[in-house]
Amino acid sequence: MAPQAQAMEKGLASYYAHKFQGRKTANGQRYDKQKFTAAHKSLAFGSKVKVTNLRNKRSVIVTINDRGPFVKKRIIDLSYIAAKKLGLTKSGIAPVKVTVLKGK
């Protein structure tokens, strides 16, 4: 069964700098810039979310494994590979829509 949309929010996305590679995330996993993961302030660890860049309409699905971002107006911090797929590594931030998925 395909994942179904559950909840949605809009705001700014940013991404983890390379210096965080290998550091522990809030759920105890090590950050890997080549995995599709993200930090969110309140979503449960293991939640799958679809992140859509509102400028270019590119989307990725990431798993929440950390807390943050702790910068005003930012709603999600993405791994490097997720940010690259969304086309926001040059600007560093982009307006996004985050949709929580349910199901497998």
PDB file of N, CA and C in Angstrom:
ATOM      1  N   MET A   1       0.845  -1.177   0.000  1.00  0.00           N
ATOM      2  CA  MET A   1       0.000   0.000   0.000  1.00  0.00           C
ATOM      3  C   MET A   1       0.896   1.246   0.000  1.00  0.00           C
ATOM      4  N   ALA A   2       0.586   2.222  -0.810  1.00  0.00           N
ATOM      5  CA  ALA A   2       1.363   3.459  -0.895  1.00  0.00           C
ATOM      6  C   ALA A   2       1.092   4.337   0.326  1.00  0.00           C
ATOM      7  N   PRO A   3       2.117   5.104   0.758  1.00  0.00           N
ATOM      8  CA  PRO A   3       1.892   6.025   1.878  1.00  0.00           C
ATOM      9  C   PRO A   3       0.813   7.043   1.539  1.00  0.00           C
ATOM     10  N   GLN A   4       0.039   7.425   2.543  1.00  0.00           N
ATOM     11  CA  GLN A   4      -1.012   8.416   2.368  1.00  0.00           C
ATOM     12  C   GLN A   4      -0.668   9.660   3.165  1.00  0.00           C
ATOM     13  N   ALA A   5      -1.069  10.818   2.664  1.00  0.00           N
ATOM     14  CA  ALA A   5      -0.818  12.078   3.363  1.00  0.00           C
ATOM     15  C   ALA A   5      -1.640  12.139   4.643  1.00  0.00           C
ATOM     16  N   GLN A   6      -1.035  12.675   5.693  1.00  0.00           N
ATOM     17  CA  GLN A   6      -1.730  12.788   6.967  1.00  0.00           C
ATOM     18  C   GLN A   6      -1.847  14.245   7.402  1.00  0.00           C
ATOM     19  N   ALA A   7      -0.746  14.974   7.476  1.00  0.00           N
ATOM     20  CA  ALA A   7      -0.735  16.369   7.912  1.00  0.00           C
ATOM     21  C   ALA A   7       0.303  17.116   7.091  1.00  0.00           C
ATOM     22  N   MET A   8       0.170  18.448   7.044  1.00  0.00           N
ATOM     23  CA  MET A   8       1.056  19.245   6.213  1.00  0.00           C
ATOM     24  C   MET A   8       1.378  20.564   6.890  1.00  0.00           C
ATOM     25  N   GLU A   9       2.608  21.063   6.670  1.00  0.00           N
ATOM     26  CA  GLU A   9       2.975  22.406   7.114  1.00  0.00           C
ATOM     27  C   GLU A   9       3.924  23.012   6.086  1.00  0.00           C
ATOM     28  N   LYS A  10       3.948  24.340   6.052  1.00  0.00           N
ATOM     29  CA  LYS A  10       4.832  25.065   5.137  1.00  0.00           C
ATOM     30  C   LYS A  10       5.756  25.954   5.940  1.00  0.00           C
ATOM     31  N   GLY A  11       6.968  26.126   5.429  1.00  0.00           N
ATOM     32  CA  GLY A  11       7.960  26.971   6.072  1.00  0.00           C
ATOM     33  C   GLY A  11       9.283  26.829   5.351  1.00  0.00           C
ATOM     34  N   LEU A  12      10.361  27.157   6.040  1.00  0.00           N
ATOM     35  CA  LEU A  12      11.689  27.096   5.440  1.00  0.00           C
ATOM     36  C   LEU A  12      12.417  25.821   5.838  1.00  0.00           C
ATOM     37  N   ALA A  13      13.135  25.261   4.874  1.00  0.00           N
ATOM     38  CA  ALA A  13      14.006  24.112   5.123  1.00  0.00           C
ATOM     39  C   ALA A  13      15.448  24.575   5.011  1.00  0.00           C
ATOM     40  N   SER A  14      16.291  23.947   5.801  1.00  0.00           N
ATOM     41  CA  SER A  14      17.734  24.137   5.704  1.00  0.00           C
ATOM     42  C   SER A  14      18.346  22.750   5.714  1.00  0.00           C
ATOM     43  N   TYR A  15      19.694  22.674   5.718  1.00  0.00           N
ATOM     44  CA  TYR A  15      20.306  21.350   5.752  1.00  0.00           C
ATOM     45  C   TYR A  15      21.539  21.350   6.630  1.00  0.00           C
ATOM     46  N   TYR A  16      21.900  20.139   7.064  1.00  0.00           N
ATOM     47  CA  TYR A  16      23.052  19.938   7.938  1.00  0.00           C
ATOM     48  C   TYR A  16      24.349  20.212   7.192  1.00  0.00           C
ATOM     49  N   ALA A  17      25.240  20.925   7.835  1.00  0.00           N
ATOM     50  CA  ALA A  17      26.574  21.151   7.281  1.00  0.00           C
ATOM     51  C   ALA A  17      27.367  19.848   7.343  1.00  0.00           C
ATOM     52  N   HIS A  18      28.396  19.760   6.527  1.00  0.00           N
ATOM     53  CA  HIS A  18      29.238  18.565   6.468  1.00  0.00           C
ATOM     54  C   HIS A  18      29.902  18.261   7.809  1.00  0.00           C
ATOM     55  N   LYS A  19      30.108  19.271   8.639  1.00  0.00           N
ATOM     56  CA  LYS A  19      30.798  19.068   9.917  1.00  0.00           C
ATOM     57  C   LYS A  19      30.015  18.164  10.873  1.00  0.00           C
ATOM     58  N   PHE A  20      28.730  17.925  10.602  1.00  0.00           N
ATOM     59  CA  PHE A  20      27.916  17.071  11.463  1.00  0.00           C
ATOM     60  C   PHE A  20      28.026  15.587  11.093  1.00  0.00           C
ATOM     61  N   GLN A  21      28.709  15.280   9.989  1.00  0.00           N
ATOM     62  CA  GLN A  21      28.859  13.891   9.553  1.00  0.00           C
ATOM     63  C   GLN A  21      29.404  13.034  10.701  1.00  0.00           C
ATOM     64  N   GLY A  22      28.685  11.956  11.018  1.00  0.00           N
ATOM     65  CA  GLY A  22      29.123  11.023  12.042  1.00  0.00           C
ATOM     66  C   GLY A  22      28.704  11.357  13.463  1.00  0.00           C
ATOM     67  N   ARG A  23      28.186  12.558  13.694  1.00  0.00           N
ATOM     68  CA  ARG A  23      27.746  12.920  15.042  1.00  0.00           C
ATOM     69  C   ARG A  23      26.417  12.240  15.350  1.00  0.00           C
ATOM     70  N   LYS A  24      26.179  12.002  16.632  1.00  0.00           N
ATOM     71  CA  LYS A  24      24.922  11.380  17.042  1.00  0.00           C
ATOM     72  C   LYS A  24      23.755  12.344  16.886  1.00  0.00           C
ATOM     73  N   THR A  25      22.637  11.795  16.408  1.00  0.00           N
ATOM     74  CA  THR A  25      21.399  12.561  16.326  1.00  0.00           C
ATOM     75  C   THR A  25      20.619  12.326  17.615  1.00  0.00           C
ATOM     76  N   ALA A  26      19.504  13.008  17.761  1.00  0.00           N
ATOM     77  CA  ALA A  26      18.716  12.916  18.991  1.00  0.00           C
ATOM     78  C   ALA A  26      18.181  11.508  19.262  1.00  0.00           C
ATOM     79  N   ASN A  27      17.998  10.702  18.231  1.00  0.00           N
ATOM     80  CA  ASN A  27      17.499   9.343  18.468  1.00  0.00           C
ATOM     81  C   ASN A  27      18.635   8.329  18.633  1.00  0.00           C
ATOM     82  N   GLY A  28      19.883   8.803  18.638  1.00  0.00           N
ATOM     83  CA  GLY A  28      21.028   7.936  18.870  1.00  0.00           C
ATOM     84  C   GLY A  28      21.735   7.448  17.623  1.00  0.00           C
ATOM     85  N   GLN A  29      21.110   7.625  16.457  1.00  0.00           N
ATOM     86  CA  GLN A  29      21.767   7.239  15.207  1.00  0.00           C
ATOM     87  C   GLN A  29      22.884   8.232  14.895  1.00  0.00           C
ATOM     88  N   ARG A  30      23.807   7.824  14.068  1.00  0.00           N
ATOM     89  CA  ARG A  30      24.854   8.724  13.592  1.00  0.00           C
ATOM     90  C   ARG A  30      24.357   9.407  12.312  1.00  0.00           C
ATOM     91  N   TYR A  31      24.606  10.715  12.218  1.00  0.00           N
ATOM     92  CA  TYR A  31      24.223  11.452  11.013  1.00  0.00           C
ATOM     93  C   TYR A  31      25.053  10.964   9.841  1.00  0.00           C
ATOM     94  N   ASP A  32      24.396  10.652   8.759  1.00  0.00           N
ATOM     95  CA  ASP A  32      25.044  10.236   7.516  1.00  0.00           C
ATOM     96  C   ASP A  32      24.496  11.122   6.411  1.00  0.00           C
ATOM     97  N   LYS A  33      25.352  11.951   5.861  1.00  0.00           N
ATOM     98  CA  LYS A  33      24.906  12.917   4.856  1.00  0.00           C
ATOM     99  C   LYS A  33      24.372  12.257   3.584  1.00  0.00           C
ATOM    100  N   GLN A  34      24.600  10.952   3.414  1.00  0.00           N
ATOM    101  CA  GLN A  34      24.134  10.244   2.230  1.00  0.00           C
ATOM    102  C   GLN A  34      22.829   9.475   2.464  1.00  0.00           C
ATOM    103  N   LYS A  35      22.225   9.641   3.638  1.00  0.00           N
ATOM    104  CA  LYS A  35      20.933   9.005   3.920  1.00  0.00           C
ATOM    105  C   LYS A  35      19.842  10.067   3.952  1.00  0.00           C
ATOM    106  N   PHE A  36      18.645   9.666   3.568  1.00  0.00           N
ATOM    107  CA  PHE A  36      17.515  10.594   3.499  1.00  0.00           C
ATOM    108  C   PHE A  36      16.858  10.720   4.874  1.00  0.00           C
ATOM    109  N   THR A  37      17.447  11.593   5.703  1.00  0.00           N
ATOM    110  CA  THR A  37      16.957  11.823   7.058  1.00  0.00           C
ATOM    111  C   THR A  37      16.767  13.318   7.278  1.00  0.00           C
ATOM    112  N   ALA A  38      16.130  13.645   8.417  1.00  0.00           N
ATOM    113  CA  ALA A  38      15.866  15.051   8.712  1.00  0.00           C
ATOM    114  C   ALA A  38      15.603  15.249  10.197  1.00  0.00           C
ATOM    115  N   ALA A  39      15.689  16.510  10.608  1.00  0.00           N
ATOM    116  CA  ALA A  39      15.349  16.914  11.969  1.00  0.00           C
ATOM    117  C   ALA A  39      14.067  17.729  11.929  1.00  0.00           C
ATOM    118  N   HIS A  40      13.205  17.475  12.910  1.00  0.00           N
ATOM    119  CA  HIS A  40      11.958  18.216  13.063  1.00  0.00           C
ATOM    120  C   HIS A  40      11.744  18.438  14.547  1.00  0.00           C
ATOM    121  N   LYS A  41      11.112  19.538  14.903  1.00  0.00           N
ATOM    122  CA  LYS A  41      10.934  19.881  16.321  1.00  0.00           C
ATOM    123  C   LYS A  41      10.020  18.928  17.077  1.00  0.00           C
ATOM    124  N   SER A  42       8.990  18.379  16.428  1.00  0.00           N
ATOM    125  CA  SER A  42       8.007  17.614  17.193  1.00  0.00           C
ATOM    126  C   SER A  42       7.571  16.278  16.606  1.00  0.00           C
ATOM    127  N   LEU A  43       7.827  16.000  15.351  1.00  0.00           N
ATOM    128  CA  LEU A  43       7.384  14.729  14.778  1.00  0.00           C
ATOM    129  C   LEU A  43       8.124  13.561  15.422  1.00  0.00           C
ATOM    130  N   ALA A  44       7.446  12.443  15.562  1.00  0.00           N
ATOM    131  CA  ALA A  44       8.035  11.253  16.177  1.00  0.00           C
ATOM    132  C   ALA A  44       9.210  10.739  15.346  1.00  0.00           C
ATOM    133  N   PHE A  45      10.227  10.239  16.056  1.00  0.00           N
ATOM    134  CA  PHE A  45      11.341   9.600  15.361  1.00  0.00           C
ATOM    135  C   PHE A  45      10.801   8.431  14.546  1.00  0.00           C
ATOM    136  N   GLY A  46      11.312   8.289  13.345  1.00  0.00           N
ATOM    137  CA  GLY A  46      10.848   7.236  12.447  1.00  0.00           C
ATOM    138  C   GLY A  46       9.733   7.679  11.521  1.00  0.00           C
ATOM    139  N   SER A  47       9.163   8.861  11.768  1.00  0.00           N
ATOM    140  CA  SER A  47       8.121   9.382  10.872  1.00  0.00           C
ATOM    141  C   SER A  47       8.698   9.586   9.480  1.00  0.00           C
ATOM    142  N   LYS A  48       7.906   9.246   8.478  1.00  0.00           N
ATOM    143  CA  LYS A  48       8.276   9.493   7.084  1.00  0.00           C
ATOM    144  C   LYS A  48       7.541  10.741   6.636  1.00  0.00           C
ATOM    145  N   VAL A  49       8.284  11.660   6.013  1.00  0.00           N
ATOM    146  CA  VAL A  49       7.667  12.872   5.506  1.00  0.00           C
ATOM    147  C   VAL A  49       8.122  13.137   4.074  1.00  0.00           C
ATOM    148  N   LYS A  50       7.215  13.679   3.307  1.00  0.00           N
ATOM    149  CA  LYS A  50       7.535  14.114   1.952  1.00  0.00           C
ATOM    150  C   LYS A  50       7.813  15.605   2.028  1.00  0.00           C
ATOM    151  N   VAL A  51       8.972  16.014   1.550  1.00  0.00           N
ATOM    152  CA  VAL A  51       9.363  17.419   1.552  1.00  0.00           C
ATOM    153  C   VAL A  51       9.397  17.891   0.108  1.00  0.00           C
ATOM    154  N   THR A  52       8.644  18.952  -0.182  1.00  0.00           N
ATOM    155  CA  THR A  52       8.564  19.495  -1.537  1.00  0.00           C
ATOM    156  C   THR A  52       9.103  20.917  -1.544  1.00  0.00           C
ATOM    157  N   ASN A  53      10.088  21.167  -2.390  1.00  0.00           N
ATOM    158  CA  ASN A  53      10.628  22.503  -2.578  1.00  0.00           C
ATOM    159  C   ASN A  53       9.589  23.296  -3.370  1.00  0.00           C
ATOM    160  N   LEU A  54       9.070  24.360  -2.785  1.00  0.00           N
ATOM    161  CA  LEU A  54       8.008  25.130  -3.437  1.00  0.00           C
ATOM    162  C   LEU A  54       8.512  25.979  -4.592  1.00  0.00           C
ATOM    163  N   ARG A  55       9.822  26.148  -4.711  1.00  0.00           N
ATOM    164  CA  ARG A  55      10.370  26.918  -5.840  1.00  0.00           C
ATOM    165  C   ARG A  55      10.455  26.085  -7.116  1.00  0.00           C
ATOM    166  N   ASN A  56      10.870  24.816  -6.983  1.00  0.00           N
ATOM    167  CA  ASN A  56      11.088  24.011  -8.183  1.00  0.00           C
ATOM    168  C   ASN A  56      10.226  22.747  -8.239  1.00  0.00           C
ATOM    169  N   LYS A  57       9.401  22.528  -7.198  1.00  0.00           N
ATOM    170  CA  LYS A  57       8.457  21.403  -7.118  1.00  0.00           C
ATOM    171  C   LYS A  57       9.134  20.036  -6.976  1.00  0.00           C
ATOM    172  N   ARG A  58      10.435  19.975  -6.729  1.00  0.00           N
ATOM    173  CA  ARG A  58      11.100  18.693  -6.476  1.00  0.00           C
ATOM    174  C   ARG A  58      10.714  18.191  -5.087  1.00  0.00           C
ATOM    175  N   SER A  59      10.619  16.859  -4.953  1.00  0.00           N
ATOM    176  CA  SER A  59      10.241  16.257  -3.673  1.00  0.00           C
ATOM    177  C   SER A  59      11.168  15.111  -3.300  1.00  0.00           C
ATOM    178  N   VAL A  60      11.301  14.878  -1.991  1.00  0.00           N
ATOM    179  CA  VAL A  60      12.005  13.717  -1.460  1.00  0.00           C
ATOM    180  C   VAL A  60      11.220  13.207  -0.254  1.00  0.00           C
ATOM    181  N   ILE A  61      11.436  11.950   0.091  1.00  0.00           N
ATOM    182  CA  ILE A  61      10.875  11.379   1.305  1.00  0.00           C
ATOM    183  C   ILE A  61      12.030  11.120   2.255  1.00  0.00           C
ATOM    184  N   VAL A  62      11.894  11.627   3.476  1.00  0.00           N
ATOM    185  CA  VAL A  62      12.936  11.482   4.491  1.00  0.00           C
ATOM    186  C   VAL A  62      12.338  10.892   5.762  1.00  0.00           C
ATOM    187  N   THR A  63      13.225  10.359   6.603  1.00  0.00           N
ATOM    188  CA  THR A  63      12.830   9.814   7.894  1.00  0.00           C
ATOM    189  C   THR A  63      13.325  10.751   8.991  1.00  0.00           C
ATOM    190  N   ILE A  64      12.465  11.086   9.932  1.00  0.00           N
ATOM    191  CA  ILE A  64      12.837  11.969  11.041  1.00  0.00           C
ATOM    192  C   ILE A  64      13.676  11.178  12.049  1.00  0.00           C
ATOM    193  N   ASN A  65      14.892  11.676  12.327  1.00  0.00           N
ATOM    194  CA  ASN A  65      15.755  11.012  13.300  1.00  0.00           C
ATOM    195  C   ASN A  65      16.456  11.990  14.235  1.00  0.00           C
ATOM    196  N   ASP A  66      16.073  13.274  14.187  1.00  0.00           N
ATOM    197  CA  ASP A  66      16.745  14.272  15.014  1.00  0.00           C
ATOM    198  C   ASP A  66      15.765  15.385  15.369  1.00  0.00           C
ATOM    199  N   ARG A  67      16.168  16.237  16.284  1.00  0.00           N
ATOM    200  CA  ARG A  67      15.370  17.399  16.690  1.00  0.00           C
ATOM    201  C   ARG A  67      15.997  18.666  16.116  1.00  0.00           C
ATOM    202  N   GLY A  68      15.149  19.621  15.825  1.00  0.00           N
ATOM    203  CA  GLY A  68      15.581  20.887  15.247  1.00  0.00           C
ATOM    204  C   GLY A  68      14.644  21.207  14.104  1.00  0.00           C
ATOM    205  N   PRO A  69      14.896  22.210  13.350  1.00  0.00           N
ATOM    206  CA  PRO A  69      15.936  23.225  13.537  1.00  0.00           C
ATOM    207  C   PRO A  69      15.540  24.214  14.626  1.00  0.00           C
ATOM    208  N   PHE A  70      16.525  24.884  15.141  1.00  0.00           N
ATOM    209  CA  PHE A  70      16.292  25.839  16.221  1.00  0.00           C
ATOM    210  C   PHE A  70      16.563  27.268  15.758  1.00  0.00           C
ATOM    211  N   VAL A  71      16.141  27.542  14.527  1.00  0.00           N
ATOM    212  CA  VAL A  71      16.254  28.865  13.919  1.00  0.00           C
ATOM    213  C   VAL A  71      14.838  29.297  13.545  1.00  0.00           C
ATOM    214  N   LYS A  72      14.488  30.523  13.875  1.00  0.00           N
ATOM    215  CA  LYS A  72      13.141  31.035  13.631  1.00  0.00           C
ATOM    216  C   LYS A  72      12.705  30.822  12.177  1.00  0.00           C
ATOM    217  N   LYS A  73      11.470  30.414  12.003  1.00  0.00           N
ATOM    218  CA  LYS A  73      10.796  30.200  10.725  1.00  0.00           C
ATOM    219  C   LYS A  73      11.232  28.938   9.981  1.00  0.00           C
ATOM    220  N   ARG A  74      12.246  28.241  10.458  1.00  0.00           N
ATOM    221  CA  ARG A  74      12.654  26.999   9.798  1.00  0.00           C
ATOM    222  C   ARG A  74      11.889  25.843  10.426  1.00  0.00           C
ATOM    223  N   ILE A  75      11.391  24.950   9.570  1.00  0.00           N
ATOM    224  CA  ILE A  75      10.569  23.855  10.074  1.00  0.00           C
ATOM    225  C   ILE A  75      11.237  22.493   9.963  1.00  0.00           C
ATOM    226  N   ILE A  76      12.274  22.381   9.133  1.00  0.00           N
ATOM    227  CA  ILE A  76      12.939  21.091   8.959  1.00  0.00           C
ATOM    228  C   ILE A  76      14.388  21.305   8.541  1.00  0.00           C
ATOM    229  N   ASP A  77      15.266  20.463   9.076  1.00  0.00           N
ATOM    230  CA  ASP A  77      16.678  20.412   8.674  1.00  0.00           C
ATOM    231  C   ASP A  77      16.884  19.090   7.949  1.00  0.00           C
ATOM    232  N   LEU A  78      17.371  19.160   6.734  1.00  0.00           N
ATOM    233  CA  LEU A  78      17.523  17.976   5.897  1.00  0.00           C
ATOM    234  C   LEU A  78      18.960  17.477   5.865  1.00  0.00           C
ATOM    235  N   SER A  79      19.129  16.202   5.575  1.00  0.00           N
ATOM    236  CA  SER A  79      20.465  15.679   5.320  1.00  0.00           C
ATOM    237  C   SER A  79      20.972  16.308   4.019  1.00  0.00           C
ATOM    238  N   TYR A  80      22.281  16.246   3.821  1.00  0.00           N
ATOM    239  CA  TYR A  80      22.873  16.846   2.626  1.00  0.00           C
ATOM    240  C   TYR A  80      22.274  16.257   1.348  1.00  0.00           C
ATOM    241  N   ILE A  81      22.163  14.915   1.269  1.00  0.00           N
ATOM    242  CA  ILE A  81      21.671  14.287   0.041  1.00  0.00           C
ATOM    243  C   ILE A  81      20.225  14.697  -0.253  1.00  0.00           C
ATOM    244  N   ALA A  82      19.402  14.827   0.777  1.00  0.00           N
ATOM    245  CA  ALA A  82      18.011  15.258   0.578  1.00  0.00           C
ATOM    246  C   ALA A  82      17.975  16.697   0.074  1.00  0.00           C
ATOM    247  N   ALA A  83      18.799  17.549   0.671  1.00  0.00           N
ATOM    248  CA  ALA A  83      18.858  18.949   0.238  1.00  0.00           C
ATOM    249  C   ALA A  83      19.346  19.055  -1.205  1.00  0.00           C
ATOM    250  N   LYS A  84      20.317  18.234  -1.551  1.00  0.00           N
ATOM    251  CA  LYS A  84      20.846  18.244  -2.918  1.00  0.00           C
ATOM    252  C   LYS A  84      19.763  17.839  -3.915  1.00  0.00           C
ATOM    253  N   LYS A  85      19.005  16.795  -3.598  1.00  0.00           N
ATOM    254  CA  LYS A  85      17.919  16.350  -4.490  1.00  0.00           C
ATOM    255  C   LYS A  85      16.847  17.428  -4.645  1.00  0.00           C
ATOM    256  N   LEU A  86      16.654  18.237  -3.582  1.00  0.00           N
ATOM    257  CA  LEU A  86      15.660  19.312  -3.647  1.00  0.00           C
ATOM    258  C   LEU A  86      16.196  20.580  -4.303  1.00  0.00           C
ATOM    259  N   GLY A  87      17.512  20.635  -4.533  1.00  0.00           N
ATOM    260  CA  GLY A  87      18.109  21.800  -5.175  1.00  0.00           C
ATOM    261  C   GLY A  87      18.277  22.992  -4.254  1.00  0.00           C
ATOM    262  N   LEU A  88      18.553  22.744  -2.958  1.00  0.00           N
ATOM    263  CA  LEU A  88      18.711  23.888  -2.055  1.00  0.00           C
ATOM    264  C   LEU A  88      20.096  23.989  -1.423  1.00  0.00           C
ATOM    265  N   THR A  89      21.073  23.261  -1.949  1.00  0.00           N
ATOM    266  CA  THR A  89      22.410  23.329  -1.346  1.00  0.00           C
ATOM    267  C   THR A  89      23.134  24.640  -1.647  1.00  0.00           C
ATOM    268  N   LYS A  90      22.826  25.285  -2.735  1.00  0.00           N
ATOM    269  CA  LYS A  90      23.486  26.566  -3.037  1.00  0.00           C
ATOM    270  C   LYS A  90      22.906  27.705  -2.215  1.00  0.00           C
ATOM    271  N   SER A  91      21.592  27.759  -2.117  1.00  0.00           N
ATOM    272  CA  SER A  91      20.958  28.842  -1.355  1.00  0.00           C
ATOM    273  C   SER A  91      21.015  28.585   0.148  1.00  0.00           C
ATOM    274  N   GLY A  92      21.048  27.298   0.536  1.00  0.00           N
ATOM    275  CA  GLY A  92      21.105  26.943   1.948  1.00  0.00           C
ATOM    276  C   GLY A  92      19.749  26.805   2.608  1.00  0.00           C
ATOM    277  N   ILE A  93      18.766  27.525   2.099  1.00  0.00           N
ATOM    278  CA  ILE A  93      17.398  27.417   2.605  1.00  0.00           C
ATOM    279  C   ILE A  93      16.433  27.540   1.427  1.00  0.00           C
ATOM    280  N   ALA A  94      15.226  27.031   1.635  1.00  0.00           N
ATOM    281  CA  ALA A  94      14.197  27.148   0.598  1.00  0.00           C
ATOM    282  C   ALA A  94      12.827  26.988   1.242  1.00  0.00           C
ATOM    283  N   PRO A  95      11.806  27.605   0.659  1.00  0.00           N
ATOM    284  CA  PRO A  95      10.448  27.381   1.146  1.00  0.00           C
ATOM    285  C   PRO A  95      10.006  25.971   0.753  1.00  0.00           C
ATOM    286  N   VAL A  96       9.428  25.258   1.710  1.00  0.00           N
ATOM    287  CA  VAL A  96       9.017  23.879   1.454  1.00  0.00           C
ATOM    288  C   VAL A  96       7.640  23.605   2.043  1.00  0.00           C
ATOM    289  N   LYS A  97       7.085  22.500   1.564  1.00  0.00           N
ATOM    290  CA  LYS A  97       5.875  21.932   2.154  1.00  0.00           C
ATOM    291  C   LYS A  97       6.300  20.576   2.710  1.00  0.00           C
ATOM    292  N   VAL A  98       5.982  20.327   3.972  1.00  0.00           N
ATOM    293  CA  VAL A  98       6.293  19.060   4.616  1.00  0.00           C
ATOM    294  C   VAL A  98       4.981  18.328   4.848  1.00  0.00           C
ATOM    295  N   THR A  99       4.868  17.142   4.265  1.00  0.00           N
ATOM    296  CA  THR A  99       3.663  16.334   4.392  1.00  0.00           C
ATOM    297  C   THR A  99       4.010  15.050   5.124  1.00  0.00           C
ATOM    298  N   VAL A 100       3.358  14.822   6.244  1.00  0.00           N
ATOM    299  CA  VAL A 100       3.573  13.603   7.021  1.00  0.00           C
ATOM    300  C   VAL A 100       2.870  12.460   6.302  1.00  0.00           C
ATOM    301  N   LEU A 101       3.562  11.349   6.141  1.00  0.00           N
ATOM    302  CA  LEU A 101       3.000  10.180   5.470  1.00  0.00           C
ATOM    303  C   LEU A 101       2.662   9.111   6.490  1.00  0.00           C
ATOM    304  N   LYS A 102       1.620   8.371   6.221  1.00  0.00           N
ATOM    305  CA  LYS A 102       1.296   7.242   7.078  1.00  0.00           C
ATOM    306  C   LYS A 102       1.160   6.019   6.209  1.00  0.00           C
ATOM    307  N   GLY A 103       1.342   4.851   6.786  1.00  0.00           N
ATOM    308  CA  GLY A 103       1.317   3.621   6.011  1.00  0.00           C
ATOM    309  C   GLY A 103       2.707   3.256   5.563  1.00  0.00           C
ATOM    310  N   LYS A 104       2.816   2.147   4.870  1.00  0.00           N
ATOM    311  CA  LYS A 104       4.131   1.683   4.402  1.00  0.00           C
ATOM    312  C   LYS A 104       4.136   1.504   2.918  1.00  0.00           C
TER     313      LYS A 104
END
